[in-house]
């Protein structure tokens, strides 16, 4: 008998979730089709109310995508040309894109190597009067140290914006991501813990005045139909995506629990084999991405690919080292922890629909590699 071929494991498989929810999603789509209203209607209003309640805030404003959410949050705070915004350089460039879009300059803060989120100590040493806002990204689904970051920003009277694109449902002390900052921004890109079947985003806040300003800015700056109070954007969620997100929201906590379970299973098996991996699986972590670190990252990735296990790197090039940053003040940033992490990080498959045999295949392959080559 020939040996059983190894199991191939995809980094993600969106069709599994869609198939499992096909009846709920079909009902949602049909409800929108029958309504005759397809932009900023009842479905958007209902999702805004439901997601605000889930996050524990009074206000949610849906927008077209997560990057627009960041840009509109900055504009809502009055950030513009000549201003500086503190952010990290290891989170895929989305905050940088938003900062540049409003004409401001990013100030890159180094990371805490243990969490790979913004270092409060480094932020405290870099804040200047030019900094008009701080964007704190909850990277990989682990919440940044918001109590410490807010204390630093508060002493300087600088508002903090949460980038919650990877942290739907995460919490600190029972207080959800999206309820801490002056404004908080979410993406509902299909691969997110709460993902639409297309693009989508939202901004949450406790501040009614900021909520009203962002709501105006997302639709041309209107304060009445065809009446502009200021020039804004066209960044609206469509009714179809809102209806789909409404169907998925009740499942989010269960999906997050399954992601944590997978992450904990990985770490229990890998930590003893010299792999630098996540250790804390409390409420502050929703395992959007399961990221390990290895000085032999590229060799490990190639070996896993040979065994049929897909991986990725989130993210390979820090923002200050991107080609687009050349010649800008941000390019001179000194970020040793950020740069070291970029050369070591590796993302393994981790999503709620992953099968037990696939999890075992990933663990087995990494354990074999660790034993053979002392990976770590």
Foldseek 3Di string as FASTA:
>chain_A
DDDDAFDFADLDDLVVVCVVCVVLLVVLLVVCVVVPAKFPDDLQVVLQCVLCVLQVARGKAKWFFQLVQLLLLCVLLVDAAQAEEEEAQQQQCSNVVSCVVRNYHYDHAAADLQQRWGDLVRCLVPDDLRHQEYETECPQQFHDPLVSNCVSCVVVVHWYEYECQAHVQFDDPPRGPQERTQKYKYWQPSLHLQHFPHTMMMMGHNDPSSNVQSNCQCCQCDPDVVHHPDGHHPITDISSRSSRSVSCVVCSVVFLVLLLVLQCVLCVLCVVLQKAWDDDSDRSGSRSWTKIWWLCAVVLQVQVVVSNFHKDQSPQAGNLRDPVNPPPPSVPDDHVSSNVRSNTMMTGRGGSPDDPSNSVSVSVSSSVVSVVPVTD
